[in-house]
C-alpha atoms as a PDB file:
ATOM      1  CA  MET A   1     218.293 273.129 123.707  1.00  0.00           C
ATOM      2  CA  GLU A   2     215.269 270.989 122.885  1.00  0.00           C
ATOM      3  CA  GLU A   3     217.021 269.613 119.802  1.00  0.00           C
ATOM      4  CA  LEU A   4     220.090 268.750 121.868  1.00  0.00           C
ATOM      5  CA  LEU A   5     217.973 266.880 124.424  1.00  0.00           C
ATOM      6  CA  ARG A   6     216.195 265.005 121.651  1.00  0.00           C
ATOM      7  CA  VAL A   7     219.487 263.952 120.070  1.00  0.00           C
ATOM      8  CA  LEU A   8     220.879 262.817 123.426  1.00  0.00           C
ATOM      9  CA  THR A   9     217.705 260.855 124.170  1.00  0.00           C
ATOM     10  CA  LEU A  10     217.971 259.071 120.820  1.00  0.00           C
ATOM     11  CA  ALA A  11     221.642 258.315 121.518  1.00  0.00           C
ATOM     12  CA  LEU A  12     220.834 256.973 124.999  1.00  0.00           C
ATOM     13  CA  GLY A  13     218.213 254.731 123.427  1.00  0.00           C
ATOM     14  CA  GLU A  14     220.893 253.251 121.185  1.00  0.00           C
ATOM     15  CA  LEU A  15     222.835 252.070 124.236  1.00  0.00           C
ATOM     16  CA  LEU A  16     220.134 249.486 124.965  1.00  0.00           C
ATOM     17  CA  ALA A  17     218.830 248.941 121.438  1.00  0.00           C
ATOM     18  CA  PRO A  18     218.503 245.330 120.169  1.00  0.00           C
ATOM     19  CA  ALA A  19     220.770 246.203 117.226  1.00  0.00           C
ATOM     20  CA  THR A  20     223.475 247.320 119.661  1.00  0.00           C
ATOM     21  CA  ALA A  21     223.137 244.018 121.516  1.00  0.00           C
ATOM     22  CA  ALA A  22     223.259 242.115 118.207  1.00  0.00           C
ATOM     23  CA  TYR A  23     226.499 243.793 117.170  1.00  0.00           C
ATOM     24  CA  ALA A  24     227.962 243.235 120.648  1.00  0.00           C
ATOM     25  CA  LEU A  25     227.158 239.509 120.445  1.00  0.00           C
ATOM     26  CA  ALA A  26     228.509 239.241 116.896  1.00  0.00           C
ATOM     27  CA  ALA A  27     231.689 241.036 118.009  1.00  0.00           C
ATOM     28  CA  ILE A  28     232.056 238.623 120.945  1.00  0.00           C
ATOM     29  CA  GLY A  29     231.981 235.785 118.416  1.00  0.00           C
ATOM     30  CA  LEU A  30     234.476 237.585 116.191  1.00  0.00           C
ATOM     31  CA  ASN A  31     236.625 238.155 119.258  1.00  0.00           C
ATOM     32  CA  VAL A  32     236.757 234.387 119.803  1.00  0.00           C
ATOM     33  CA  HIS A  33     237.915 234.054 116.197  1.00  0.00           C
ATOM     34  CA  PHE A  34     240.401 236.878 115.941  1.00  0.00           C
ATOM     35  CA  GLY A  35     241.137 238.156 119.419  1.00  0.00           C
ATOM     36  CA  TYR A  36     241.702 234.825 121.145  1.00  0.00           C
ATOM     37  CA  THR A  37     242.620 232.478 118.267  1.00  0.00           C
ATOM     38  CA  GLY A  38     244.018 234.708 115.524  1.00  0.00           C
ATOM     39  CA  LEU A  39     241.505 233.616 112.856  1.00  0.00           C
ATOM     40  CA  LEU A  40     240.908 236.349 110.299  1.00  0.00           C
ATOM     41  CA  ASN A  41     237.168 236.021 109.723  1.00  0.00           C
ATOM     42  CA  VAL A  42     235.856 238.689 107.353  1.00  0.00           C
ATOM     43  CA  GLY A  43     232.420 237.159 106.916  1.00  0.00           C
ATOM     44  CA  GLN A  44     230.696 237.360 110.282  1.00  0.00           C
ATOM     45  CA  ALA A  45     227.620 238.771 108.552  1.00  0.00           C
ATOM     46  CA  GLY A  46     227.251 235.412 106.806  1.00  0.00           C
ATOM     47  CA  PHE A  47     226.868 233.648 110.157  1.00  0.00           C
ATOM     48  CA  MET A  48     224.359 236.295 111.246  1.00  0.00           C
ATOM     49  CA  LEU A  49     222.288 235.973 108.079  1.00  0.00           C
ATOM     50  CA  LEU A  50     222.261 232.176 108.291  1.00  0.00           C
ATOM     51  CA  GLY A  51     221.166 232.350 111.917  1.00  0.00           C
ATOM     52  CA  ALA A  52     218.378 234.760 111.008  1.00  0.00           C
ATOM     53  CA  TYR A  53     217.205 232.574 108.124  1.00  0.00           C
ATOM     54  CA  GLY A  54     217.430 229.403 110.210  1.00  0.00           C
ATOM     55  CA  PHE A  55     215.289 230.971 112.925  1.00  0.00           C
ATOM     56  CA  GLY A  56     212.813 232.664 110.600  1.00  0.00           C
ATOM     57  CA  ILE A  57     212.239 229.763 108.213  1.00  0.00           C
ATOM     58  CA  SER A  58     211.906 227.256 111.071  1.00  0.00           C
ATOM     59  CA  THR A  59     209.412 229.433 112.929  1.00  0.00           C
ATOM     60  CA  ILE A  60     207.319 230.012 109.813  1.00  0.00           C
ATOM     61  CA  ALA A  61     207.319 226.246 109.242  1.00  0.00           C
ATOM     62  CA  GLY A  62     205.754 225.805 112.679  1.00  0.00           C
ATOM     63  CA  ALA A  63     208.762 225.101 114.898  1.00  0.00           C
ATOM     64  CA  PRO A  64     208.536 226.359 118.499  1.00  0.00           C
ATOM     65  CA  PHE A  65     210.873 229.152 119.529  1.00  0.00           C
ATOM     66  CA  TRP A  66     213.531 227.032 121.241  1.00  0.00           C
ATOM     67  CA  LEU A  67     213.685 224.533 118.357  1.00  0.00           C
ATOM     68  CA  ALA A  68     214.070 227.408 115.888  1.00  0.00           C
ATOM     69  CA  LEU A  69     216.879 228.747 118.086  1.00  0.00           C
ATOM     70  CA  LEU A  70     218.650 225.369 117.874  1.00  0.00           C
ATOM     71  CA  VAL A  71     218.191 225.295 114.101  1.00  0.00           C
ATOM     72  CA  ALA A  72     219.880 228.697 113.850  1.00  0.00           C
ATOM     73  CA  MET A  73     222.782 227.506 116.009  1.00  0.00           C
ATOM     74  CA  ALA A  74     223.081 224.351 113.893  1.00  0.00           C
ATOM     75  CA  ALA A  75     223.197 226.496 110.740  1.00  0.00           C
ATOM     76  CA  GLY A  76     226.064 228.532 112.218  1.00  0.00           C
ATOM     77  CA  THR A  77     227.881 225.344 113.199  1.00  0.00           C
ATOM     78  CA  LEU A  78     227.509 223.791 109.749  1.00  0.00           C
ATOM     79  CA  PHE A  79     228.678 226.983 108.051  1.00  0.00           C
ATOM     80  CA  ALA A  80     231.764 227.088 110.274  1.00  0.00           C
ATOM     81  CA  VAL A  81     232.618 223.466 109.491  1.00  0.00           C
ATOM     82  CA  VAL A  82     232.177 223.991 105.748  1.00  0.00           C
ATOM     83  CA  LEU A  83     234.426 227.066 105.868  1.00  0.00           C
ATOM     84  CA  GLY A  84     236.984 225.567 108.210  1.00  0.00           C
ATOM     85  CA  LEU A  85     237.609 222.173 106.608  1.00  0.00           C
ATOM     86  CA  PRO A  86     239.472 223.480 103.527  1.00  0.00           C
ATOM     87  CA  THR A  87     241.079 226.587 105.029  1.00  0.00           C
ATOM     88  CA  LEU A  88     242.176 226.151 108.651  1.00  0.00           C
ATOM     89  CA  LYS A  89     245.372 224.346 107.704  1.00  0.00           C
ATOM     90  CA  LEU A  90     246.366 227.314 105.548  1.00  0.00           C
ATOM     91  CA  ARG A  91     247.469 230.851 106.412  1.00  0.00           C
ATOM     92  CA  GLY A  92     244.990 233.334 107.844  1.00  0.00           C
ATOM     93  CA  ASP A  93     244.612 235.362 104.651  1.00  0.00           C
ATOM     94  CA  TYR A  94     243.083 232.339 102.930  1.00  0.00           C
ATOM     95  CA  LEU A  95     240.441 232.161 105.647  1.00  0.00           C
ATOM     96  CA  ALA A  96     239.744 235.866 105.139  1.00  0.00           C
ATOM     97  CA  ILE A  97     239.207 235.371 101.400  1.00  0.00           C
ATOM     98  CA  VAL A  98     236.971 232.345 101.920  1.00  0.00           C
ATOM     99  CA  THR A  99     234.832 233.905 104.663  1.00  0.00           C
ATOM    100  CA  ILE A 100     234.100 237.155 102.853  1.00  0.00           C
ATOM    101  CA  SER A 101     233.289 235.220  99.672  1.00  0.00           C
ATOM    102  CA  ALA A 102     231.101 232.698 101.503  1.00  0.00           C
ATOM    103  CA  ALA A 103     229.183 235.463 103.283  1.00  0.00           C
ATOM    104  CA  GLU A 104     228.425 237.081  99.925  1.00  0.00           C
ATOM    105  CA  ILE A 105     227.334 233.704  98.513  1.00  0.00           C
ATOM    106  CA  ILE A 106     224.877 233.297 101.403  1.00  0.00           C
ATOM    107  CA  ARG A 107     223.524 236.793 100.811  1.00  0.00           C
ATOM    108  CA  MET A 108     223.138 236.274  97.062  1.00  0.00           C
ATOM    109  CA  LEU A 109     221.443 232.904  97.560  1.00  0.00           C
ATOM    110  CA  GLY A 110     219.107 234.499 100.086  1.00  0.00           C
ATOM    111  CA  ARG A 111     217.997 237.182  97.635  1.00  0.00           C
ATOM    112  CA  SER A 112     217.878 234.795  94.680  1.00  0.00           C
ATOM    113  CA  THR A 113     214.526 233.740  93.200  1.00  0.00           C
ATOM    114  CA  LEU A 114     215.775 230.139  93.380  1.00  0.00           C
ATOM    115  CA  PHE A 115     214.828 229.965  97.080  1.00  0.00           C
ATOM    116  CA  ASP A 116     212.133 232.603  96.958  1.00  0.00           C
ATOM    117  CA  ALA A 117     209.576 230.349  98.664  1.00  0.00           C
ATOM    118  CA  GLN A 118     211.842 229.897 101.691  1.00  0.00           C
ATOM    119  CA  THR A 119     213.762 233.178 101.966  1.00  0.00           C
ATOM    120  CA  GLY A 120     211.380 235.637 100.325  1.00  0.00           C
ATOM    121  CA  GLY A 121     214.003 236.605  97.745  1.00  0.00           C
ATOM    122  CA  SER A 122     215.337 240.149  97.789  1.00  0.00           C
ATOM    123  CA  ALA A 123     212.290 241.293  99.783  1.00  0.00           C
ATOM    124  CA  GLY A 124     213.204 238.932 102.635  1.00  0.00           C
ATOM    125  CA  LEU A 125     210.855 237.629 105.332  1.00  0.00           C
ATOM    126  CA  ARG A 126     208.324 239.838 107.103  1.00  0.00           C
ATOM    127  CA  GLY A 127     208.848 240.111 110.828  1.00  0.00           C
ATOM    128  CA  GLY A 128     205.207 239.403 111.588  1.00  0.00           C
ATOM    129  CA  ASP A 129     205.575 235.925 110.088  1.00  0.00           C
ATOM    130  CA  TYR A 130     208.165 234.684 112.597  1.00  0.00           C
ATOM    131  CA  LYS A 131     207.957 236.853 115.741  1.00  0.00           C
ATOM    132  CA  GLY A 132     204.858 235.314 117.259  1.00  0.00           C
ATOM    133  CA  SER A 133     206.556 232.478 119.144  1.00  0.00           C
ATOM    134  CA  PHE A 134     209.112 234.891 120.589  1.00  0.00           C
ATOM    135  CA  GLN A 135     206.512 237.409 121.721  1.00  0.00           C
ATOM    136  CA  ASP A 136     204.493 234.624 123.357  1.00  0.00           C
ATOM    137  CA  LEU A 137     207.407 233.985 125.747  1.00  0.00           C
ATOM    138  CA  SER A 138     207.154 237.436 127.293  1.00  0.00           C
ATOM    139  CA  PHE A 139     206.212 237.576 130.959  1.00  0.00           C
ATOM    140  CA  LEU A 140     205.902 241.383 130.946  1.00  0.00           C
ATOM    141  CA  PRO A 141     202.452 242.969 131.252  1.00  0.00           C
ATOM    142  CA  ASP A 142     200.997 244.860 128.312  1.00  0.00           C
ATOM    143  CA  GLY A 143     201.425 248.607 128.195  1.00  0.00           C
ATOM    144  CA  ARG A 144     204.333 251.027 128.175  1.00  0.00           C
ATOM    145  CA  THR A 145     207.115 251.595 130.703  1.00  0.00           C
ATOM    146  CA  MET A 146     209.345 254.625 131.101  1.00  0.00           C
ATOM    147  CA  ILE A 147     212.797 254.275 132.639  1.00  0.00           C
ATOM    148  CA  GLY A 148     214.499 257.650 132.838  1.00  0.00           C
ATOM    149  CA  PRO A 149     214.148 259.373 129.467  1.00  0.00           C
ATOM    150  CA  LEU A 150     213.461 256.075 127.657  1.00  0.00           C
ATOM    151  CA  GLU A 151     209.940 254.816 127.054  1.00  0.00           C
ATOM    152  CA  TYR A 152     208.976 251.715 125.071  1.00  0.00           C
ATOM    153  CA  LEU A 153     206.181 249.205 124.820  1.00  0.00           C
ATOM    154  CA  ASN A 154     206.603 246.289 127.206  1.00  0.00           C
ATOM    155  CA  ASN A 155     205.845 243.818 124.423  1.00  0.00           C
ATOM    156  CA  GLY A 156     206.167 244.017 120.687  1.00  0.00           C
ATOM    157  CA  SER A 157     208.957 244.328 118.160  1.00  0.00           C
ATOM    158  CA  ASP A 158     210.822 247.348 119.500  1.00  0.00           C
ATOM    159  CA  SER A 159     210.015 246.676 123.158  1.00  0.00           C
ATOM    160  CA  TRP A 160     211.510 246.211 126.599  1.00  0.00           C
ATOM    161  CA  TRP A 161     210.976 242.460 126.192  1.00  0.00           C
ATOM    162  CA  THR A 162     213.112 242.369 123.039  1.00  0.00           C
ATOM    163  CA  ARG A 163     215.818 244.382 124.806  1.00  0.00           C
ATOM    164  CA  LEU A 164     215.709 242.163 127.884  1.00  0.00           C
ATOM    165  CA  PHE A 165     216.078 239.005 125.821  1.00  0.00           C
ATOM    166  CA  ALA A 166     218.817 240.477 123.615  1.00  0.00           C
ATOM    167  CA  TRP A 167     221.011 241.696 126.447  1.00  0.00           C
ATOM    168  CA  SER A 168     220.433 238.494 128.421  1.00  0.00           C
ATOM    169  CA  LEU A 169     221.974 236.587 125.515  1.00  0.00           C
ATOM    170  CA  VAL A 170     224.923 238.989 125.538  1.00  0.00           C
ATOM    171  CA  VAL A 171     225.462 238.448 129.279  1.00  0.00           C
ATOM    172  CA  LEU A 172     225.220 234.670 128.808  1.00  0.00           C
ATOM    173  CA  ALA A 173     227.765 234.811 125.965  1.00  0.00           C
ATOM    174  CA  LEU A 174     230.137 236.859 128.140  1.00  0.00           C
ATOM    175  CA  LEU A 175     229.853 234.289 130.909  1.00  0.00           C
ATOM    176  CA  VAL A 176     230.564 231.395 128.537  1.00  0.00           C
ATOM    177  CA  VAL A 177     233.554 233.143 126.954  1.00  0.00           C
ATOM    178  CA  TRP A 178     234.905 234.153 130.391  1.00  0.00           C
ATOM    179  CA  LEU A 179     234.734 230.576 131.659  1.00  0.00           C
ATOM    180  CA  LEU A 180     236.254 229.121 128.482  1.00  0.00           C
ATOM    181  CA  THR A 181     239.125 231.593 128.194  1.00  0.00           C
ATOM    182  CA  ARG A 182     240.099 230.987 131.828  1.00  0.00           C
ATOM    183  CA  SER A 183     240.183 227.228 131.222  1.00  0.00           C
ATOM    184  CA  PRO A 184     243.058 225.175 129.761  1.00  0.00           C
ATOM    185  CA  TRP A 185     241.150 225.216 126.467  1.00  0.00           C
ATOM    186  CA  GLY A 186     241.257 228.990 126.380  1.00  0.00           C
ATOM    187  CA  ARG A 187     244.958 229.082 127.159  1.00  0.00           C
ATOM    188  CA  VAL A 188     245.604 226.739 124.231  1.00  0.00           C
ATOM    189  CA  LEU A 189     243.652 229.120 121.971  1.00  0.00           C
ATOM    190  CA  LYS A 190     245.900 231.987 122.990  1.00  0.00           C
ATOM    191  CA  GLY A 191     248.882 229.741 122.347  1.00  0.00           C
ATOM    192  CA  VAL A 192     247.586 229.037 118.840  1.00  0.00           C
ATOM    193  CA  ARG A 193     247.287 232.778 118.269  1.00  0.00           C
ATOM    194  CA  GLU A 194     250.851 233.438 119.449  1.00  0.00           C
ATOM    195  CA  ASP A 195     252.779 230.445 118.082  1.00  0.00           C
ATOM    196  CA  GLU A 196     251.146 227.495 116.328  1.00  0.00           C
ATOM    197  CA  ASP A 197     254.387 225.533 116.092  1.00  0.00           C
ATOM    198  CA  ALA A 198     254.938 225.678 119.838  1.00  0.00           C
ATOM    199  CA  VAL A 199     251.422 224.361 120.431  1.00  0.00           C
ATOM    200  CA  ARG A 200     252.006 221.524 117.972  1.00  0.00           C
ATOM    201  CA  ALA A 201     255.252 220.688 119.758  1.00  0.00           C
ATOM    202  CA  LEU A 202     253.213 220.171 122.925  1.00  0.00           C
ATOM    203  CA  GLY A 203     251.134 217.548 121.151  1.00  0.00           C
ATOM    204  CA  LYS A 204     248.017 219.665 120.661  1.00  0.00           C
ATOM    205  CA  SER A 205     245.959 219.592 117.464  1.00  0.00           C
ATOM    206  CA  VAL A 206     246.023 223.177 116.228  1.00  0.00           C
ATOM    207  CA  TYR A 207     243.523 222.351 113.492  1.00  0.00           C
ATOM    208  CA  SER A 208     241.044 220.953 116.017  1.00  0.00           C
ATOM    209  CA  TYR A 209     241.271 223.983 118.317  1.00  0.00           C
ATOM    210  CA  LYS A 210     240.859 226.377 115.398  1.00  0.00           C
ATOM    211  CA  MET A 211     237.782 224.499 114.258  1.00  0.00           C
ATOM    212  CA  GLN A 212     236.266 224.606 117.741  1.00  0.00           C
ATOM    213  CA  ALA A 213     236.889 228.347 117.982  1.00  0.00           C
ATOM    214  CA  LEU A 214     235.443 228.934 114.519  1.00  0.00           C
ATOM    215  CA  ILE A 215     232.300 227.000 115.473  1.00  0.00           C
ATOM    216  CA  LEU A 216     231.867 228.796 118.805  1.00  0.00           C
ATOM    217  CA  GLY A 217     232.254 232.244 117.255  1.00  0.00           C
ATOM    218  CA  GLY A 218     229.982 231.232 114.379  1.00  0.00           C
ATOM    219  CA  VAL A 219     227.221 230.095 116.741  1.00  0.00           C
ATOM    220  CA  LEU A 220     227.441 233.413 118.594  1.00  0.00           C
ATOM    221  CA  GLY A 221     227.196 235.177 115.233  1.00  0.00           C
ATOM    222  CA  ALA A 222     224.094 233.145 114.336  1.00  0.00           C
ATOM    223  CA  LEU A 223     222.455 234.106 117.653  1.00  0.00           C
ATOM    224  CA  ALA A 224     223.356 237.730 116.963  1.00  0.00           C
ATOM    225  CA  GLY A 225     221.539 237.454 113.646  1.00  0.00           C
ATOM    226  CA  ILE A 226     218.372 236.403 115.464  1.00  0.00           C
ATOM    227  CA  ILE A 227     218.576 239.391 117.810  1.00  0.00           C
ATOM    228  CA  TYR A 228     219.169 241.712 114.868  1.00  0.00           C
ATOM    229  CA  VAL A 229     216.006 240.669 113.022  1.00  0.00           C
ATOM    230  CA  LEU A 230     213.637 240.393 116.007  1.00  0.00           C
ATOM    231  CA  PRO A 231     212.720 244.120 115.958  1.00  0.00           C
ATOM    232  CA  GLY A 232     212.301 244.223 112.173  1.00  0.00           C
ATOM    233  CA  ALA A 233     212.454 241.817 109.255  1.00  0.00           C
ATOM    234  CA  ILE A 234     214.983 239.528 107.572  1.00  0.00           C
ATOM    235  CA  ALA A 235     216.446 241.460 104.642  1.00  0.00           C
ATOM    236  CA  PRO A 236     219.515 239.866 103.007  1.00  0.00           C
ATOM    237  CA  ASP A 237     220.885 243.145 101.653  1.00  0.00           C
ATOM    238  CA  ALA A 238     220.921 244.591 105.173  1.00  0.00           C
ATOM    239  CA  MET A 239     223.325 241.863 106.321  1.00  0.00           C
ATOM    240  CA  GLY A 240     226.213 242.113 103.900  1.00  0.00           C
ATOM    241  CA  ARG A 241     229.787 243.384 103.814  1.00  0.00           C
ATOM    242  CA  THR A 242     228.909 246.605 105.630  1.00  0.00           C
ATOM    243  CA  MET A 243     227.657 244.632 108.614  1.00  0.00           C
ATOM    244  CA  THR A 244     230.918 242.669 108.882  1.00  0.00           C
ATOM    245  CA  PHE A 245     232.818 245.935 108.545  1.00  0.00           C
ATOM    246  CA  TRP A 246     230.860 247.411 111.449  1.00  0.00           C
ATOM    247  CA  VAL A 247     231.338 244.315 113.609  1.00  0.00           C
ATOM    248  CA  TRP A 248     235.094 244.644 113.116  1.00  0.00           C
ATOM    249  CA  THR A 249     234.908 248.332 114.040  1.00  0.00           C
ATOM    250  CA  VAL A 250     232.971 247.517 117.206  1.00  0.00           C
ATOM    251  CA  MET A 251     235.432 244.811 118.264  1.00  0.00           C
ATOM    252  CA  LEU A 252     238.565 246.847 117.565  1.00  0.00           C
ATOM    253  CA  LEU A 253     237.104 249.950 119.208  1.00  0.00           C
ATOM    254  CA  GLY A 254     236.425 248.149 122.476  1.00  0.00           C
ATOM    255  CA  GLY A 255     239.535 246.005 122.331  1.00  0.00           C
ATOM    256  CA  ALA A 256     240.260 242.599 120.812  1.00  0.00           C
ATOM    257  CA  ALA A 257     241.150 239.738 123.171  1.00  0.00           C
ATOM    258  CA  THR A 258     239.246 241.423 126.009  1.00  0.00           C
ATOM    259  CA  LEU A 259     236.059 240.196 127.629  1.00  0.00           C
ATOM    260  CA  PHE A 260     234.046 243.423 127.755  1.00  0.00           C
ATOM    261  CA  GLY A 261     235.670 245.136 124.773  1.00  0.00           C
ATOM    262  CA  PRO A 262     233.020 244.083 122.211  1.00  0.00           C
ATOM    263  CA  VAL A 263     230.184 245.253 124.469  1.00  0.00           C
ATOM    264  CA  LEU A 264     231.818 248.593 125.258  1.00  0.00           C
ATOM    265  CA  GLY A 265     232.730 249.052 121.601  1.00  0.00           C
ATOM    266  CA  SER A 266     229.174 248.387 120.422  1.00  0.00           C
ATOM    267  CA  MET A 267     227.546 250.716 122.947  1.00  0.00           C
ATOM    268  CA  LEU A 268     230.037 253.528 122.346  1.00  0.00           C
ATOM    269  CA  PHE A 269     229.934 253.107 118.579  1.00  0.00           C
ATOM    270  CA  PHE A 270     226.157 253.321 118.260  1.00  0.00           C
ATOM    271  CA  PHE A 271     225.898 256.087 120.860  1.00  0.00           C
ATOM    272  CA  VAL A 272     228.272 258.317 118.886  1.00  0.00           C
ATOM    273  CA  TYR A 273     226.872 257.173 115.536  1.00  0.00           C
ATOM    274  CA  MET A 274     223.357 258.214 116.545  1.00  0.00           C
ATOM    275  CA  ILE A 275     224.598 261.583 117.820  1.00  0.00           C
ATOM    276  CA  VAL A 276     226.272 262.208 114.462  1.00  0.00           C
ATOM    277  CA  ARG A 277     223.283 261.034 112.389  1.00  0.00           C
ATOM    278  CA  ALA A 278     220.629 262.813 114.437  1.00  0.00           C
ATOM    279  CA  GLY A 279     222.807 265.875 114.928  1.00  0.00           C
ATOM    280  CA  MET A 280     223.360 266.339 111.204  1.00  0.00           C
ATOM    281  CA  ARG A 281     219.587 266.403 110.717  1.00  0.00           C
ATOM    282  CA  THR A 282     219.172 269.325 113.139  1.00  0.00           C
ATOM    283  CA  ASP A 283     220.495 272.867 113.452  1.00  0.00           C
ATOM    284  CA  LEU A 284     223.185 271.640 115.872  1.00  0.00           C
ATOM    285  CA  MET A 285     225.508 270.969 112.945  1.00  0.00           C
ATOM    286  CA  GLU A 286     224.258 273.627 110.551  1.00  0.00           C
ATOM    287  CA  PHE A 287     227.870 274.557 109.900  1.00  0.00           C
ATOM    288  CA  LEU A 288     228.083 271.321 107.868  1.00  0.00           C
ATOM    289  CA  PRO A 289     226.283 271.879 104.535  1.00  0.00           C
ATOM    290  CA  ILE A 290     225.148 268.243 104.181  1.00  0.00           C
ATOM    291  CA  PRO A 291     221.787 267.463 102.511  1.00  0.00           C
ATOM    292  CA  ALA A 292     219.516 265.232 104.607  1.00  0.00           C
ATOM    293  CA  LYS A 293     219.567 262.494 101.963  1.00  0.00           C
ATOM    294  CA  ASN A 294     223.362 262.195 102.304  1.00  0.00           C
ATOM    295  CA  VAL A 295     223.526 262.022 106.098  1.00  0.00           C
ATOM    296  CA  ASP A 296     223.738 258.219 106.251  1.00  0.00           C
ATOM    297  CA  HIS A 297     226.481 258.174 103.612  1.00  0.00           C
ATOM    298  CA  VAL A 298     228.550 260.748 105.490  1.00  0.00           C
ATOM    299  CA  ALA A 299     228.051 258.820 108.730  1.00  0.00           C
ATOM    300  CA  GLY A 300     229.298 255.688 106.945  1.00  0.00           C
ATOM    301  CA  VAL A 301     232.402 257.534 105.790  1.00  0.00           C
ATOM    302  CA  LEU A 302     233.064 258.612 109.368  1.00  0.00           C
ATOM    303  CA  VAL A 303     232.823 254.960 110.456  1.00  0.00           C
ATOM    304  CA  GLY A 304     235.506 254.062 107.931  1.00  0.00           C
ATOM    305  CA  VAL A 305     237.747 256.892 109.061  1.00  0.00           C
ATOM    306  CA  THR A 306     237.240 255.820 112.677  1.00  0.00           C
ATOM    307  CA  LEU A 307     238.308 252.259 111.894  1.00  0.00           C
ATOM    308  CA  MET A 308     241.448 253.472 110.121  1.00  0.00           C
ATOM    309  CA  LEU A 309     242.383 255.728 113.025  1.00  0.00           C
ATOM    310  CA  ILE A 310     241.863 252.896 115.510  1.00  0.00           C
ATOM    311  CA  VAL A 311     244.077 250.492 113.567  1.00  0.00           C
ATOM    312  CA  ILE A 312     246.798 253.123 113.108  1.00  0.00           C
ATOM    313  CA  PHE A 313     246.909 254.845 116.486  1.00  0.00           C
ATOM    314  CA  ARG A 314     245.340 252.422 118.964  1.00  0.00           C
ATOM    315  CA  PRO A 315     245.051 248.931 117.486  1.00  0.00           C
ATOM    316  CA  GLN A 316     244.485 247.447 120.956  1.00  0.00           C
ATOM    317  CA  GLY A 317     241.278 249.464 121.368  1.00  0.00           C
ATOM    318  CA  ILE A 318     240.014 251.053 124.578  1.00  0.00           C
ATOM    319  CA  LEU A 319     240.411 248.054 126.892  1.00  0.00           C
ATOM    320  CA  GLY A 320     242.973 246.008 124.993  1.00  0.00           C
ATOM    321  CA  ASN A 321     246.610 245.240 125.609  1.00  0.00           C
ATOM    322  CA  LYS A 322     248.823 246.071 122.630  1.00  0.00           C
ATOM    323  CA  LYS A 323     251.205 243.220 123.451  1.00  0.00           C
ATOM    324  CA  GLU A 324     248.334 240.748 123.131  1.00  0.00           C
ATOM    325  CA  LEU A 325     247.067 241.911 119.748  1.00  0.00           C
ATOM    326  CA  ALA A 326     248.629 240.695 116.519  1.00  0.00           C
ATOM    327  CA  LEU A 327     247.064 242.180 113.401  1.00  0.00           C
ATOM    328  CA  ASP A 328     249.172 239.847 111.273  1.00  0.00           C
ATOM    329  CA  ALA A 329     246.987 236.902 112.367  1.00  0.00           C
ATOM    330  CA  ARG A 330     247.893 233.583 110.875  1.00  0.00           C
END
């Protein structure tokens, strides 16, 4: 019974964890790309890594927190423009190829010794070098606070302050996306997703709207990268293809082209994922003869199986509308 309560407490903690908020925000950005516009972006981790580097390098160089935040957003914008200029006039599969390749290029450059002085190479950047300006913004008193079964430091890396900031960004992103998708601009995006030729016939620039959507989703991805590295450090190998794969799982689980789908998907995904990981390390799942060192690998396999089942049996996700989702995005 004690082991069960411990596992459930760990899983409840994941509901509010900064990483959960980071994936929710990244999935909101991906939802702008794929769910609302039909852009097949398979490199959201690249936007996240660039945002993290932009924030970390700027802060280490002496930039105040808000300036470093703007630098990260500018990095996401520039990356979106560079990716979009040669590909947005082509079919969606070309964008998929370019984005996954570009994300890997960013990761390899980050871990390369060529920029070791700026990025720290494969070792990355230590969290203590860039978190100071963020922690200084906290208005919470020092000490620890318990809310229900959850207890964390008020300030610090893995703290209530980090969680408050992370989820505030998620709420702000939801508000922005809600306002934009209800506007004429948002209705044009959905038109681009459904029928580009019809939108062109109405005199709209499909290329321009795709570029705007790519930039908006990329900026949200860059902000998600900042949230992801605030509790820890910037490690390029931790923000690769697997991260993009998980962001897609989160978005599809909650429901593409829905407002709250990415948030629900992220919270549910990490809640269940923690139950599986923690459960396999206890006697609760002793019927599964899995060595402790292989638990993370097995959990990763289960994520892949989950994504396949979602795409096959419920591609619209939990909150989505099947009529609104087109997996053959152009």
